[in-house]
Structure formats: structure tokens, C-alpha cells
PDB file of N, CA and C in Angstrom:
ATOM      1  N   MET A   1     -29.446  60.654  21.081  1.00  0.00           N
ATOM      2  CA  MET A   1     -28.552  60.087  20.107  1.00  0.00           C
ATOM      3  C   MET A   1     -28.841  58.586  19.980  1.00  0.00           C
ATOM      4  N   LYS A   2     -28.936  58.116  18.756  1.00  0.00           N
ATOM      5  CA  LYS A   2     -29.185  56.693  18.516  1.00  0.00           C
ATOM      6  C   LYS A   2     -27.930  55.874  18.820  1.00  0.00           C
ATOM      7  N   ALA A   3     -28.122  54.721  19.401  1.00  0.00           N
ATOM      8  CA  ALA A   3     -26.984  53.853  19.741  1.00  0.00           C
ATOM      9  C   ALA A   3     -26.421  53.169  18.497  1.00  0.00           C
ATOM     10  N   VAL A   4     -27.288  52.770  17.587  1.00  0.00           N
ATOM     11  CA  VAL A   4     -26.843  52.074  16.375  1.00  0.00           C
ATOM     12  C   VAL A   4     -27.243  52.904  15.171  1.00  0.00           C
ATOM     13  N   ARG A   5     -26.283  53.253  14.358  1.00  0.00           N
ATOM     14  CA  ARG A   5     -26.516  54.089  13.178  1.00  0.00           C
ATOM     15  C   ARG A   5     -26.595  53.215  11.932  1.00  0.00           C
ATOM     16  N   PRO A   6     -27.062  53.761  10.815  1.00  0.00           N
ATOM     17  CA  PRO A   6     -27.178  52.965   9.585  1.00  0.00           C
ATOM     18  C   PRO A   6     -25.855  52.337   9.140  1.00  0.00           C
ATOM     19  N   GLY A   7     -24.767  53.029   9.305  1.00  0.00           N
ATOM     20  CA  GLY A   7     -23.467  52.456   8.935  1.00  0.00           C
ATOM     21  C   GLY A   7     -23.094  51.267   9.814  1.00  0.00           C
ATOM     22  N   ASP A   8     -23.523  51.300  11.066  1.00  0.00           N
ATOM     23  CA  ASP A   8     -23.276  50.171  11.970  1.00  0.00           C
ATOM     24  C   ASP A   8     -24.000  48.920  11.475  1.00  0.00           C
ATOM     25  N   TRP A   9     -25.242  49.104  11.000  1.00  0.00           N
ATOM     26  CA  TRP A   9     -25.992  47.956  10.473  1.00  0.00           C
ATOM     27  C   TRP A   9     -25.284  47.371   9.245  1.00  0.00           C
ATOM     28  N   LEU A  10     -24.697  48.219   8.437  1.00  0.00           N
ATOM     29  CA  LEU A  10     -23.961  47.744   7.263  1.00  0.00           C
ATOM     30  C   LEU A  10     -22.751  46.903   7.681  1.00  0.00           C
ATOM     31  N   VAL A  11     -22.035  47.343   8.684  1.00  0.00           N
ATOM     32  CA  VAL A  11     -20.880  46.590   9.180  1.00  0.00           C
ATOM     33  C   VAL A  11     -21.327  45.256   9.794  1.00  0.00           C
ATOM     34  N   ILE A  12     -22.410  45.272  10.534  1.00  0.00           N
ATOM     35  CA  ILE A  12     -22.936  44.041  11.133  1.00  0.00           C
ATOM     36  C   ILE A  12     -23.358  43.065  10.037  1.00  0.00           C
ATOM     37  N   ALA A  13     -24.057  43.550   9.017  1.00  0.00           N
ATOM     38  CA  ALA A  13     -24.494  42.683   7.917  1.00  0.00           C
ATOM     39  C   ALA A  13     -23.301  42.096   7.171  1.00  0.00           C
ATOM     40  N   ALA A  14     -22.275  42.900   6.926  1.00  0.00           N
ATOM     41  CA  ALA A  14     -21.076  42.396   6.242  1.00  0.00           C
ATOM     42  C   ALA A  14     -20.379  41.337   7.090  1.00  0.00           C
ATOM     43  N   GLY A  15     -20.321  41.533   8.387  1.00  0.00           N
ATOM     44  CA  GLY A  15     -19.717  40.544   9.277  1.00  0.00           C
ATOM     45  C   GLY A  15     -20.479  39.237   9.281  1.00  0.00           C
ATOM     46  N   LEU A  16     -21.815  39.303   9.301  1.00  0.00           N
ATOM     47  CA  LEU A  16     -22.628  38.088   9.265  1.00  0.00           C
ATOM     48  C   LEU A  16     -22.461  37.342   7.946  1.00  0.00           C
ATOM     49  N   LEU A  17     -22.409  38.079   6.837  1.00  0.00           N
ATOM     50  CA  LEU A  17     -22.201  37.435   5.537  1.00  0.00           C
ATOM     51  C   LEU A  17     -20.831  36.761   5.457  1.00  0.00           C
ATOM     52  N   ALA A  18     -19.807  37.429   5.972  1.00  0.00           N
ATOM     53  CA  ALA A  18     -18.468  36.838   5.965  1.00  0.00           C
ATOM     54  C   ALA A  18     -18.421  35.582   6.834  1.00  0.00           C
ATOM     55  N   THR A  19     -19.096  35.606   7.973  1.00  0.00           N
ATOM     56  CA  THR A  19     -19.145  34.432   8.850  1.00  0.00           C
ATOM     57  C   THR A  19     -19.866  33.277   8.165  1.00  0.00           C
ATOM     58  N   ALA A  20     -20.991  33.552   7.511  1.00  0.00           N
ATOM     59  CA  ALA A  20     -21.742  32.509   6.817  1.00  0.00           C
ATOM     60  C   ALA A  20     -20.930  31.910   5.661  1.00  0.00           C
ATOM     61  N   ALA A  21     -20.231  32.750   4.916  1.00  0.00           N
ATOM     62  CA  ALA A  21     -19.416  32.252   3.808  1.00  0.00           C
ATOM     63  C   ALA A  21     -18.268  31.383   4.306  1.00  0.00           C
ATOM     64  N   THR A  22     -17.644  31.778   5.395  1.00  0.00           N
ATOM     65  CA  THR A  22     -16.553  30.987   5.968  1.00  0.00           C
ATOM     66  C   THR A  22     -17.060  29.644   6.472  1.00  0.00           C
ATOM     67  N   ALA A  23     -18.201  29.649   7.138  1.00  0.00           N
ATOM     68  CA  ALA A  23     -18.779  28.398   7.641  1.00  0.00           C
ATOM     69  C   ALA A  23     -19.141  27.469   6.493  1.00  0.00           C
ATOM     70  N   ALA A  24     -19.728  28.005   5.438  1.00  0.00           N
ATOM     71  CA  ALA A  24     -20.085  27.178   4.285  1.00  0.00           C
ATOM     72  C   ALA A  24     -18.849  26.570   3.627  1.00  0.00           C
ATOM     73  N   ALA A  25     -17.782  27.345   3.523  1.00  0.00           N
ATOM     74  CA  ALA A  25     -16.549  26.833   2.923  1.00  0.00           C
ATOM     75  C   ALA A  25     -15.908  25.773   3.803  1.00  0.00           C
ATOM     76  N   GLN A  26     -15.975  25.949   5.111  1.00  0.00           N
ATOM     77  CA  GLN A  26     -15.351  25.010   6.040  1.00  0.00           C
ATOM     78  C   GLN A  26     -16.094  23.678   6.077  1.00  0.00           C
ATOM     79  N   TRP A  27     -17.407  23.711   6.164  1.00  0.00           N
ATOM     80  CA  TRP A  27     -18.176  22.479   6.337  1.00  0.00           C
ATOM     81  C   TRP A  27     -18.733  21.941   5.044  1.00  0.00           C
ATOM     82  N   GLY A  28     -18.526  22.594   3.944  1.00  0.00           N
ATOM     83  CA  GLY A  28     -19.066  22.130   2.679  1.00  0.00           C
ATOM     84  C   GLY A  28     -18.044  21.461   1.783  1.00  0.00           C
ATOM     85  N   ARG A  29     -17.066  20.797   2.345  1.00  0.00           N
ATOM     86  CA  ARG A  29     -15.996  20.203   1.543  1.00  0.00           C
ATOM     87  C   ARG A  29     -16.402  18.909   0.859  1.00  0.00           C
ATOM     88  N   GLY A  30     -17.511  18.340   1.207  1.00  0.00           N
ATOM     89  CA  GLY A  30     -17.921  17.086   0.611  1.00  0.00           C
ATOM     90  C   GLY A  30     -17.510  15.908   1.470  1.00  0.00           C
ATOM     91  N   ALA A  31     -17.977  14.769   1.072  1.00  0.00           N
ATOM     92  CA  ALA A  31     -17.701  13.553   1.827  1.00  0.00           C
ATOM     93  C   ALA A  31     -16.273  13.084   1.564  1.00  0.00           C
ATOM     94  N   PRO A  32     -15.618  12.530   2.572  1.00  0.00           N
ATOM     95  CA  PRO A  32     -14.266  12.024   2.360  1.00  0.00           C
ATOM     96  C   PRO A  32     -14.292  10.761   1.504  1.00  0.00           C
ATOM     97  N   ALA A  33     -13.257  10.575   0.707  1.00  0.00           N
ATOM     98  CA  ALA A  33     -13.178   9.416  -0.175  1.00  0.00           C
ATOM     99  C   ALA A  33     -12.229   8.348   0.356  1.00  0.00           C
ATOM    100  N   MET A  34     -11.173   8.771   1.048  1.00  0.00           N
ATOM    101  CA  MET A  34     -10.207   7.794   1.542  1.00  0.00           C
ATOM    102  C   MET A  34      -9.507   8.296   2.786  1.00  0.00           C
ATOM    103  N   ALA A  35      -8.873   7.360   3.459  1.00  0.00           N
ATOM    104  CA  ALA A  35      -8.071   7.675   4.639  1.00  0.00           C
ATOM    105  C   ALA A  35      -6.607   7.500   4.275  1.00  0.00           C
ATOM    106  N   GLN A  36      -5.807   8.526   4.544  1.00  0.00           N
ATOM    107  CA  GLN A  36      -4.367   8.451   4.311  1.00  0.00           C
ATOM    108  C   GLN A  36      -3.676   8.246   5.650  1.00  0.00           C
ATOM    109  N   VAL A  37      -2.794   7.265   5.690  1.00  0.00           N
ATOM    110  CA  VAL A  37      -2.016   6.983   6.890  1.00  0.00           C
ATOM    111  C   VAL A  37      -0.570   7.349   6.588  1.00  0.00           C
ATOM    112  N   ARG A  38       0.006   8.159   7.459  1.00  0.00           N
ATOM    113  CA  ARG A  38       1.392   8.599   7.268  1.00  0.00           C
ATOM    114  C   ARG A  38       2.249   8.149   8.443  1.00  0.00           C
ATOM    115  N   LEU A  39       3.473   7.768   8.116  1.00  0.00           N
ATOM    116  CA  LEU A  39       4.485   7.423   9.112  1.00  0.00           C
ATOM    117  C   LEU A  39       5.712   8.262   8.791  1.00  0.00           C
ATOM    118  N   ASP A  40       6.138   9.089   9.724  1.00  0.00           N
ATOM    119  CA  ASP A  40       7.250  10.018   9.516  1.00  0.00           C
ATOM    120  C   ASP A  40       7.041  10.898   8.284  1.00  0.00           C
ATOM    121  N   GLY A  41       5.777  11.282   8.029  1.00  0.00           N
ATOM    122  CA  GLY A  41       5.467  12.173   6.924  1.00  0.00           C
ATOM    123  C   GLY A  41       5.288  11.495   5.578  1.00  0.00           C
ATOM    124  N   ARG A  42       5.591  10.222   5.480  1.00  0.00           N
ATOM    125  CA  ARG A  42       5.424   9.471   4.225  1.00  0.00           C
ATOM    126  C   ARG A  42       4.098   8.729   4.243  1.00  0.00           C
ATOM    127  N   ILE A  43       3.388   8.732   3.132  1.00  0.00           N
ATOM    128  CA  ILE A  43       2.136   7.979   3.049  1.00  0.00           C
ATOM    129  C   ILE A  43       2.476   6.490   2.983  1.00  0.00           C
ATOM    130  N   VAL A  44       1.960   5.730   3.946  1.00  0.00           N
ATOM    131  CA  VAL A  44       2.212   4.288   3.983  1.00  0.00           C
ATOM    132  C   VAL A  44       0.973   3.484   3.627  1.00  0.00           C
ATOM    133  N   ALA A  45      -0.197   4.121   3.665  1.00  0.00           N
ATOM    134  CA  ALA A  45      -1.427   3.421   3.283  1.00  0.00           C
ATOM    135  C   ALA A  45      -2.480   4.437   2.876  1.00  0.00           C
ATOM    136  N   GLU A  46      -3.246   4.086   1.855  1.00  0.00           N
ATOM    137  CA  GLU A  46      -4.427   4.842   1.451  1.00  0.00           C
ATOM    138  C   GLU A  46      -5.579   3.850   1.421  1.00  0.00           C
ATOM    139  N   LEU A  47      -6.527   4.048   2.320  1.00  0.00           N
ATOM    140  CA  LEU A  47      -7.620   3.097   2.487  1.00  0.00           C
ATOM    141  C   LEU A  47      -8.934   3.738   2.060  1.00  0.00           C
ATOM    142  N   PRO A  48      -9.662   3.122   1.134  1.00  0.00           N
ATOM    143  CA  PRO A  48     -10.950   3.696   0.732  1.00  0.00           C
ATOM    144  C   PRO A  48     -11.961   3.606   1.877  1.00  0.00           C
ATOM    145  N   LEU A  49     -12.808   4.604   1.977  1.00  0.00           N
ATOM    146  CA  LEU A  49     -13.817   4.628   3.036  1.00  0.00           C
ATOM    147  C   LEU A  49     -15.106   3.934   2.606  1.00  0.00           C
ATOM    148  N   THR A  50     -15.004   3.028   1.665  1.00  0.00           N
ATOM    149  CA  THR A  50     -16.179   2.296   1.203  1.00  0.00           C
ATOM    150  C   THR A  50     -16.293   0.922   1.846  1.00  0.00           C
ATOM    151  N   GLY A  51     -15.237   0.464   2.485  1.00  0.00           N
ATOM    152  CA  GLY A  51     -15.255  -0.856   3.099  1.00  0.00           C
ATOM    153  C   GLY A  51     -14.727  -0.814   4.518  1.00  0.00           C
ATOM    154  N   THR A  52     -14.480  -1.998   5.056  1.00  0.00           N
ATOM    155  CA  THR A  52     -13.946  -2.131   6.404  1.00  0.00           C
ATOM    156  C   THR A  52     -12.504  -2.596   6.329  1.00  0.00           C
ATOM    157  N   HIS A  53     -11.615  -1.876   7.006  1.00  0.00           N
ATOM    158  CA  HIS A  53     -10.195  -2.212   7.027  1.00  0.00           C
ATOM    159  C   HIS A  53      -9.659  -2.035   8.442  1.00  0.00           C
ATOM    160  N   ARG A  54      -8.624  -2.783   8.758  1.00  0.00           N
ATOM    161  CA  ARG A  54      -7.935  -2.637  10.045  1.00  0.00           C
ATOM    162  C   ARG A  54      -6.461  -2.916   9.777  1.00  0.00           C
ATOM    163  N   ILE A  55      -5.606  -1.935  10.104  1.00  0.00           N
ATOM    164  CA  ILE A  55      -4.174  -2.136   9.914  1.00  0.00           C
ATOM    165  C   ILE A  55      -3.451  -1.811  11.215  1.00  0.00           C
ATOM    166  N   ALA A  56      -2.309  -2.453  11.405  1.00  0.00           N
ATOM    167  CA  ALA A  56      -1.458  -2.206  12.570  1.00  0.00           C
ATOM    168  C   ALA A  56      -0.089  -1.787  12.058  1.00  0.00           C
ATOM    169  N   LEU A  57       0.450  -0.705  12.631  1.00  0.00           N
ATOM    170  CA  LEU A  57       1.729  -0.158  12.199  1.00  0.00           C
ATOM    171  C   LEU A  57       2.714  -0.096  13.359  1.00  0.00           C
ATOM    172  N   ASP A  58       3.970  -0.283  13.028  1.00  0.00           N
ATOM    173  CA  ASP A  58       5.043  -0.067  13.994  1.00  0.00           C
ATOM    174  C   ASP A  58       5.569   1.341  13.798  1.00  0.00           C
ATOM    175  N   GLY A  59       5.313   2.201  14.764  1.00  0.00           N
ATOM    176  CA  GLY A  59       5.799   3.576  14.705  1.00  0.00           C
ATOM    177  C   GLY A  59       7.062   3.736  15.514  1.00  0.00           C
ATOM    178  N   ALA A  60       7.318   4.952  15.938  1.00  0.00           N
ATOM    179  CA  ALA A  60       8.520   5.254  16.709  1.00  0.00           C
ATOM    180  C   ALA A  60       8.516   4.566  18.074  1.00  0.00           C
ATOM    181  N   LEU A  61       7.353   4.202  18.570  1.00  0.00           N
ATOM    182  CA  LEU A  61       7.244   3.512  19.856  1.00  0.00           C
ATOM    183  C   LEU A  61       6.951   2.019  19.673  1.00  0.00           C
ATOM    184  N   ALA A  62       7.518   1.426  18.649  1.00  0.00           N
ATOM    185  CA  ALA A  62       7.232   0.032  18.328  1.00  0.00           C
ATOM    186  C   ALA A  62       7.583  -0.915  19.470  1.00  0.00           C
ATOM    187  N   ALA A  63       8.557  -0.563  20.286  1.00  0.00           N
ATOM    188  CA  ALA A  63       8.929  -1.427  21.409  1.00  0.00           C
ATOM    189  C   ALA A  63       7.796  -1.513  22.434  1.00  0.00           C
ATOM    190  N   ARG A  64       6.920  -0.514  22.468  1.00  0.00           N
ATOM    191  CA  ARG A  64       5.809  -0.507  23.426  1.00  0.00           C
ATOM    192  C   ARG A  64       4.516  -1.047  22.836  1.00  0.00           C
ATOM    193  N   GLY A  65       4.453  -1.222  21.520  1.00  0.00           N
ATOM    194  CA  GLY A  65       3.248  -1.737  20.877  1.00  0.00           C
ATOM    195  C   GLY A  65       3.020  -1.108  19.519  1.00  0.00           C
ATOM    196  N   GLN A  66       1.921  -1.509  18.896  1.00  0.00           N
ATOM    197  CA  GLN A  66       1.582  -1.034  17.564  1.00  0.00           C
ATOM    198  C   GLN A  66       0.447  -0.025  17.614  1.00  0.00           C
ATOM    199  N   THR A  67       0.384   0.792  16.572  1.00  0.00           N
ATOM    200  CA  THR A  67      -0.734   1.704  16.381  1.00  0.00           C
ATOM    201  C   THR A  67      -1.736   1.009  15.472  1.00  0.00           C
ATOM    202  N   VAL A  68      -2.991   0.955  15.895  1.00  0.00           N
ATOM    203  CA  VAL A  68      -4.037   0.256  15.142  1.00  0.00           C
ATOM    204  C   VAL A  68      -5.005   1.286  14.575  1.00  0.00           C
ATOM    205  N   ILE A  69      -5.251   1.185  13.264  1.00  0.00           N
ATOM    206  CA  ILE A  69      -6.167   2.101  12.570  1.00  0.00           C
ATOM    207  C   ILE A  69      -7.316   1.283  12.001  1.00  0.00           C
ATOM    208  N   GLU A  70      -8.529   1.758  12.269  1.00  0.00           N
ATOM    209  CA  GLU A  70      -9.732   1.091  11.778  1.00  0.00           C
ATOM    210  C   GLU A  70     -10.472   2.012  10.816  1.00  0.00           C
ATOM    211  N   VAL A  71     -10.984   1.414   9.746  1.00  0.00           N
ATOM    212  CA  VAL A  71     -11.765   2.144   8.752  1.00  0.00           C
ATOM    213  C   VAL A  71     -13.086   1.415   8.562  1.00  0.00           C
ATOM    214  N   GLU A  72     -14.160   2.166   8.599  1.00  0.00           N
ATOM    215  CA  GLU A  72     -15.493   1.670   8.298  1.00  0.00           C
ATOM    216  C   GLU A  72     -16.084   2.580   7.234  1.00  0.00           C
ATOM    217  N   PRO A  73     -17.157   2.168   6.589  1.00  0.00           N
ATOM    218  CA  PRO A  73     -17.729   3.025   5.546  1.00  0.00           C
ATOM    219  C   PRO A  73     -18.016   4.447   6.041  1.00  0.00           C
ATOM    220  N   GLY A  74     -17.335   5.418   5.428  1.00  0.00           N
ATOM    221  CA  GLY A  74     -17.545   6.820   5.729  1.00  0.00           C
ATOM    222  C   GLY A  74     -16.806   7.369   6.936  1.00  0.00           C
ATOM    223  N   ARG A  75     -15.990   6.558   7.618  1.00  0.00           N
ATOM    224  CA  ARG A  75     -15.288   7.055   8.805  1.00  0.00           C
ATOM    225  C   ARG A  75     -14.041   6.234   9.094  1.00  0.00           C
ATOM    226  N   ALA A  76     -13.142   6.826   9.879  1.00  0.00           N
ATOM    227  CA  ALA A  76     -11.895   6.148  10.247  1.00  0.00           C
ATOM    228  C   ALA A  76     -11.455   6.655  11.611  1.00  0.00           C
ATOM    229  N   ARG A  77     -10.639   5.852  12.312  1.00  0.00           N
ATOM    230  CA  ARG A  77     -10.135   6.258  13.617  1.00  0.00           C
ATOM    231  C   ARG A  77      -8.839   5.537  13.937  1.00  0.00           C
ATOM    232  N   ILE A  78      -8.126   6.079  14.909  1.00  0.00           N
ATOM    233  CA  ILE A  78      -6.980   5.377  15.489  1.00  0.00           C
ATOM    234  C   ILE A  78      -7.533   4.683  16.725  1.00  0.00           C
ATOM    235  N   ALA A  79      -7.585   3.372  16.672  1.00  0.00           N
ATOM    236  CA  ALA A  79      -8.218   2.594  17.732  1.00  0.00           C
ATOM    237  C   ALA A  79      -7.286   2.358  18.915  1.00  0.00           C
ATOM    238  N   ALA A  80      -5.983   2.252  18.660  1.00  0.00           N
ATOM    239  CA  ALA A  80      -5.021   1.999  19.741  1.00  0.00           C
ATOM    240  C   ALA A  80      -3.675   2.588  19.358  1.00  0.00           C
ATOM    241  N   ASP A  81      -2.948   3.035  20.371  1.00  0.00           N
ATOM    242  CA  ASP A  81      -1.623   3.603  20.159  1.00  0.00           C
ATOM    243  C   ASP A  81      -0.826   3.439  21.445  1.00  0.00           C
ATOM    244  N   PRO A  82       0.466   3.134  21.345  1.00  0.00           N
ATOM    245  CA  PRO A  82       1.268   2.969  22.562  1.00  0.00           C
ATOM    246  C   PRO A  82       1.712   4.282  23.202  1.00  0.00           C
ATOM    247  N   GLY A  83       1.308   5.414  22.673  1.00  0.00           N
ATOM    248  CA  GLY A  83       1.692   6.718  23.226  1.00  0.00           C
ATOM    249  C   GLY A  83       1.155   6.913  24.634  1.00  0.00           C
ATOM    250  N   PRO A  84       1.806   7.757  25.419  1.00  0.00           N
ATOM    251  CA  PRO A  84       1.433   7.902  26.823  1.00  0.00           C
ATOM    252  C   PRO A  84       0.116   8.657  27.066  1.00  0.00           C
ATOM    253  N   ARG A  85      -0.259   9.586  26.221  1.00  0.00           N
ATOM    254  CA  ARG A  85      -1.426  10.411  26.524  1.00  0.00           C
ATOM    255  C   ARG A  85      -2.683  10.040  25.741  1.00  0.00           C
ATOM    256  N   GLN A  86      -2.549   9.277  24.691  1.00  0.00           N
ATOM    257  CA  GLN A  86      -3.693   8.761  23.923  1.00  0.00           C
ATOM    258  C   GLN A  86      -4.555   9.844  23.268  1.00  0.00           C
ATOM    259  N   TYR A  87      -3.958  11.003  22.945  1.00  0.00           N
ATOM    260  CA  TYR A  87      -4.746  12.064  22.324  1.00  0.00           C
ATOM    261  C   TYR A  87      -5.328  11.631  20.975  1.00  0.00           C
ATOM    262  N   CYS A  88      -4.553  10.915  20.190  1.00  0.00           N
ATOM    263  CA  CYS A  88      -5.040  10.514  18.870  1.00  0.00           C
ATOM    264  C   CYS A  88      -6.164   9.492  18.977  1.00  0.00           C
ATOM    265  N   VAL A  89      -6.127   8.646  19.987  1.00  0.00           N
ATOM    266  CA  VAL A  89      -7.196   7.670  20.208  1.00  0.00           C
ATOM    267  C   VAL A  89      -8.457   8.398  20.683  1.00  0.00           C
ATOM    268  N   GLN A  90      -8.291   9.408  21.510  1.00  0.00           N
ATOM    269  CA  GLN A  90      -9.426  10.161  22.041  1.00  0.00           C
ATOM    270  C   GLN A  90     -10.123  11.002  20.980  1.00  0.00           C
ATOM    271  N   GLN A  91      -9.484  11.237  19.837  1.00  0.00           N
ATOM    272  CA  GLN A  91     -10.128  11.963  18.732  1.00  0.00           C
ATOM    273  C   GLN A  91     -11.395  11.245  18.291  1.00  0.00           C
ATOM    274  N   GLY A  92     -11.417   9.927  18.417  1.00  0.00           N
ATOM    275  CA  GLY A  92     -12.592   9.160  18.006  1.00  0.00           C
ATOM    276  C   GLY A  92     -12.669   9.026  16.494  1.00  0.00           C
ATOM    277  N   TRP A  93     -13.879   8.788  16.028  1.00  0.00           N
ATOM    278  CA  TRP A  93     -14.101   8.587  14.595  1.00  0.00           C
ATOM    279  C   TRP A  93     -14.009   9.916  13.854  1.00  0.00           C
ATOM    280  N   LEU A  94     -13.232   9.928  12.785  1.00  0.00           N
ATOM    281  CA  LEU A  94     -13.132  11.077  11.886  1.00  0.00           C
ATOM    282  C   LEU A  94     -14.132  10.852  10.755  1.00  0.00           C
ATOM    283  N   THR A  95     -14.928  11.878  10.433  1.00  0.00           N
ATOM    284  CA  THR A  95     -15.956  11.703   9.412  1.00  0.00           C
ATOM    285  C   THR A  95     -15.938  12.776   8.326  1.00  0.00           C
ATOM    286  N   ARG A  96     -15.219  13.873   8.547  1.00  0.00           N
ATOM    287  CA  ARG A  96     -15.205  14.968   7.586  1.00  0.00           C
ATOM    288  C   ARG A  96     -13.892  15.023   6.832  1.00  0.00           C
ATOM    289  N   ALA A  97     -13.963  15.372   5.556  1.00  0.00           N
ATOM    290  CA  ALA A  97     -12.752  15.544   4.759  1.00  0.00           C
ATOM    291  C   ALA A  97     -11.885  16.625   5.387  1.00  0.00           C
ATOM    292  N   GLY A  98     -10.602  16.366   5.480  1.00  0.00           N
ATOM    293  CA  GLY A  98      -9.680  17.311   6.086  1.00  0.00           C
ATOM    294  C   GLY A  98      -9.424  17.041   7.556  1.00  0.00           C
ATOM    295  N   SER A  99     -10.190  16.152   8.171  1.00  0.00           N
ATOM    296  CA  SER A  99      -9.975  15.826   9.583  1.00  0.00           C
ATOM    297  C   SER A  99      -8.681  15.045   9.745  1.00  0.00           C
ATOM    298  N   VAL A 100      -7.968  15.319  10.850  1.00  0.00           N
ATOM    299  CA  VAL A 100      -6.674  14.686  11.082  1.00  0.00           C
ATOM    300  C   VAL A 100      -6.578  14.240  12.534  1.00  0.00           C
ATOM    301  N   ALA A 101      -6.013  13.058  12.741  1.00  0.00           N
ATOM    302  CA  ALA A 101      -5.639  12.589  14.077  1.00  0.00           C
ATOM    303  C   ALA A 101      -4.140  12.302  14.025  1.00  0.00           C
ATOM    304  N   VAL A 102      -3.393  12.874  14.968  1.00  0.00           N
ATOM    305  CA  VAL A 102      -1.937  12.756  14.960  1.00  0.00           C
ATOM    306  C   VAL A 102      -1.470  12.096  16.252  1.00  0.00           C
ATOM    307  N   CYS A 103      -0.721  11.016  16.115  1.00  0.00           N
ATOM    308  CA  CYS A 103      -0.062  10.371  17.250  1.00  0.00           C
ATOM    309  C   CYS A 103       1.396  10.818  17.194  1.00  0.00           C
ATOM    310  N   ALA A 104       1.688  11.942  17.796  1.00  0.00           N
ATOM    311  CA  ALA A 104       3.014  12.549  17.694  1.00  0.00           C
ATOM    312  C   ALA A 104       4.127  11.652  18.244  1.00  0.00           C
ATOM    313  N   PRO A 105       3.966  11.008  19.413  1.00  0.00           N
ATOM    314  CA  PRO A 105       5.062  10.163  19.897  1.00  0.00           C
ATOM    315  C   PRO A 105       5.374   8.997  18.959  1.00  0.00           C
ATOM    316  N   SER A 106       4.359   8.487  18.273  1.00  0.00           N
ATOM    317  CA  SER A 106       4.549   7.360  17.354  1.00  0.00           C
ATOM    318  C   SER A 106       4.923   7.791  15.944  1.00  0.00           C
ATOM    319  N   HIS A 107       4.799   9.091  15.649  1.00  0.00           N
ATOM    320  CA  HIS A 107       5.070   9.660  14.318  1.00  0.00           C
ATOM    321  C   HIS A 107       4.085   9.140  13.275  1.00  0.00           C
ATOM    322  N   ILE A 108       2.855   8.885  13.683  1.00  0.00           N
ATOM    323  CA  ILE A 108       1.818   8.359  12.786  1.00  0.00           C
ATOM    324  C   ILE A 108       0.655   9.342  12.763  1.00  0.00           C
ATOM    325  N   SER A 109       0.101   9.568  11.568  1.00  0.00           N
ATOM    326  CA  SER A 109      -1.081  10.416  11.442  1.00  0.00           C
ATOM    327  C   SER A 109      -2.092   9.765  10.509  1.00  0.00           C
ATOM    328  N   LEU A 110      -3.347  10.108  10.741  1.00  0.00           N
ATOM    329  CA  LEU A 110      -4.463   9.640   9.931  1.00  0.00           C
ATOM    330  C   LEU A 110      -5.207  10.862   9.443  1.00  0.00           C
ATOM    331  N   GLN A 111      -5.447  10.952   8.137  1.00  0.00           N
ATOM    332  CA  GLN A 111      -6.148  12.096   7.554  1.00  0.00           C
ATOM    333  C   GLN A 111      -7.197  11.599   6.582  1.00  0.00           C
ATOM    334  N   LEU A 112      -8.385  12.199   6.642  1.00  0.00           N
ATOM    335  CA  LEU A 112      -9.426  11.888   5.670  1.00  0.00           C
ATOM    336  C   LEU A 112      -9.318  12.862   4.512  1.00  0.00           C
ATOM    337  N   VAL A 113      -9.329  12.331   3.315  1.00  0.00           N
ATOM    338  CA  VAL A 113      -9.131  13.129   2.110  1.00  0.00           C
ATOM    339  C   VAL A 113     -10.398  13.060   1.273  1.00  0.00           C
ATOM    340  N   GLY A 114     -10.865  14.238   0.830  1.00  0.00           N
ATOM    341  CA  GLY A 114     -12.051  14.313  -0.004  1.00  0.00           C
ATOM    342  C   GLY A 114     -11.704  14.758  -1.406  1.00  0.00           C
ATOM    343  N   PRO A 115     -12.725  15.139  -2.167  1.00  0.00           N
ATOM    344  CA  PRO A 115     -12.502  15.569  -3.540  1.00  0.00           C
ATOM    345  C   PRO A 115     -11.572  16.783  -3.648  1.00  0.00           C
ATOM    346  N   ASP A 116     -11.663  17.686  -2.693  1.00  0.00           N
ATOM    347  CA  ASP A 116     -10.761  18.834  -2.673  1.00  0.00           C
ATOM    348  C   ASP A 116     -10.126  18.887  -1.294  1.00  0.00           C
ATOM    349  N   GLY A 117      -8.922  18.334  -1.191  1.00  0.00           N
ATOM    350  CA  GLY A 117      -8.233  18.206   0.085  1.00  0.00           C
ATOM    351  C   GLY A 117      -8.032  19.543   0.775  1.00  0.00           C
ATOM    352  N   ALA A 118      -8.112  19.527   2.109  1.00  0.00           N
ATOM    353  CA  ALA A 118      -7.954  20.758   2.879  1.00  0.00           C
ATOM    354  C   ALA A 118      -6.483  21.075   3.141  1.00  0.00           C
ATOM    355  N   HIS A 119      -5.654  20.038   3.266  1.00  0.00           N
ATOM    356  CA  HIS A 119      -4.233  20.234   3.579  1.00  0.00           C
ATOM    357  C   HIS A 119      -3.410  19.463   2.555  1.00  0.00           C
ATOM    358  N   ASP A 120      -2.262  19.979   2.209  1.00  0.00           N
ATOM    359  CA  ASP A 120      -1.414  19.255   1.275  1.00  0.00           C
ATOM    360  C   ASP A 120      -0.435  18.338   2.006  1.00  0.00           C
ATOM    361  N   THR A 121      -0.242  18.520   3.305  1.00  0.00           N
ATOM    362  CA  THR A 121       0.632  17.634   4.075  1.00  0.00           C
ATOM    363  C   THR A 121       0.397  17.858   5.553  1.00  0.00           C
ATOM    364  N   VAL A 122       0.863  16.915   6.339  1.00  0.00           N
ATOM    365  CA  VAL A 122       0.816  17.040   7.789  1.00  0.00           C
ATOM    366  C   VAL A 122       2.237  16.836   8.287  1.00  0.00           C
ATOM    367  N   ALA A 123       2.739  17.744   9.117  1.00  0.00           N
ATOM    368  CA  ALA A 123       4.092  17.644   9.625  1.00  0.00           C
ATOM    369  C   ALA A 123       4.064  17.569  11.152  1.00  0.00           C
ATOM    370  N   PHE A 124       5.081  16.978  11.714  1.00  0.00           N
ATOM    371  CA  PHE A 124       5.189  16.854  13.163  1.00  0.00           C
ATOM    372  C   PHE A 124       6.118  17.923  13.681  1.00  0.00           C
TER     373      PHE A 124
END
């Protein structure tokens, strides 16, 4: 008895095609155009990714310090945050449209937006 039958090859081929289509849709969103900065879900800044910008925000942990966001051509990051675990800082540079870094204790998020946005909002 054969281990793999013709119908099995059809299922394998369909699975590979579905995987390739999903990967193409996920990574083919195009280059990001701007960085959106949100505080408590409201957009407080939209920074184009064509230049260099640095902003400091007072979030929910303002008594402990400010959240610093840096933008360079084609990328953005949260450079500093007063949060205890620094997860959003550890995200590093965001370079793809739809990428998000969230500083939950500070209620601040950074999202890169491209020609066809991946998410319509970010909530905490």
C-alpha cells in the first residue's frame, strides 16, 4: 500500500499555496508612510517617516518620566519609557507597515501606517 496517494498530494499542494498567499499578503503591505502616536487611544501625533523627529510625551506614568519616540527615515521606535518592564523599548526599530509597539503602563502606542493600514485602531 502506498503511503501517499494522489489526493494527499492535492491537499499538500493546496496547503502550500494557501501558506504562500498568506505570507505574500502579510509581508507585501508596502512601505510605511508615517508613524502614528496614540495616548489613551487618541492620536496625538502623526510623524512622516521621511525625516528625523524626536518627541517626548507625558503618559500615565508621567510622575516617573516621559516616553520618548524617535523617527528616522523609514523607521520609528520608542527610545525610552518609564514603565517597569520596558517591553515597548525592547521592540526596537519598527520598519513594516502595521507594526505596533505598545507601552501599556504609560497608555502610549506607536504604529507604522502604510498605504493600506493593517489595523483600524489599537486598544489597551
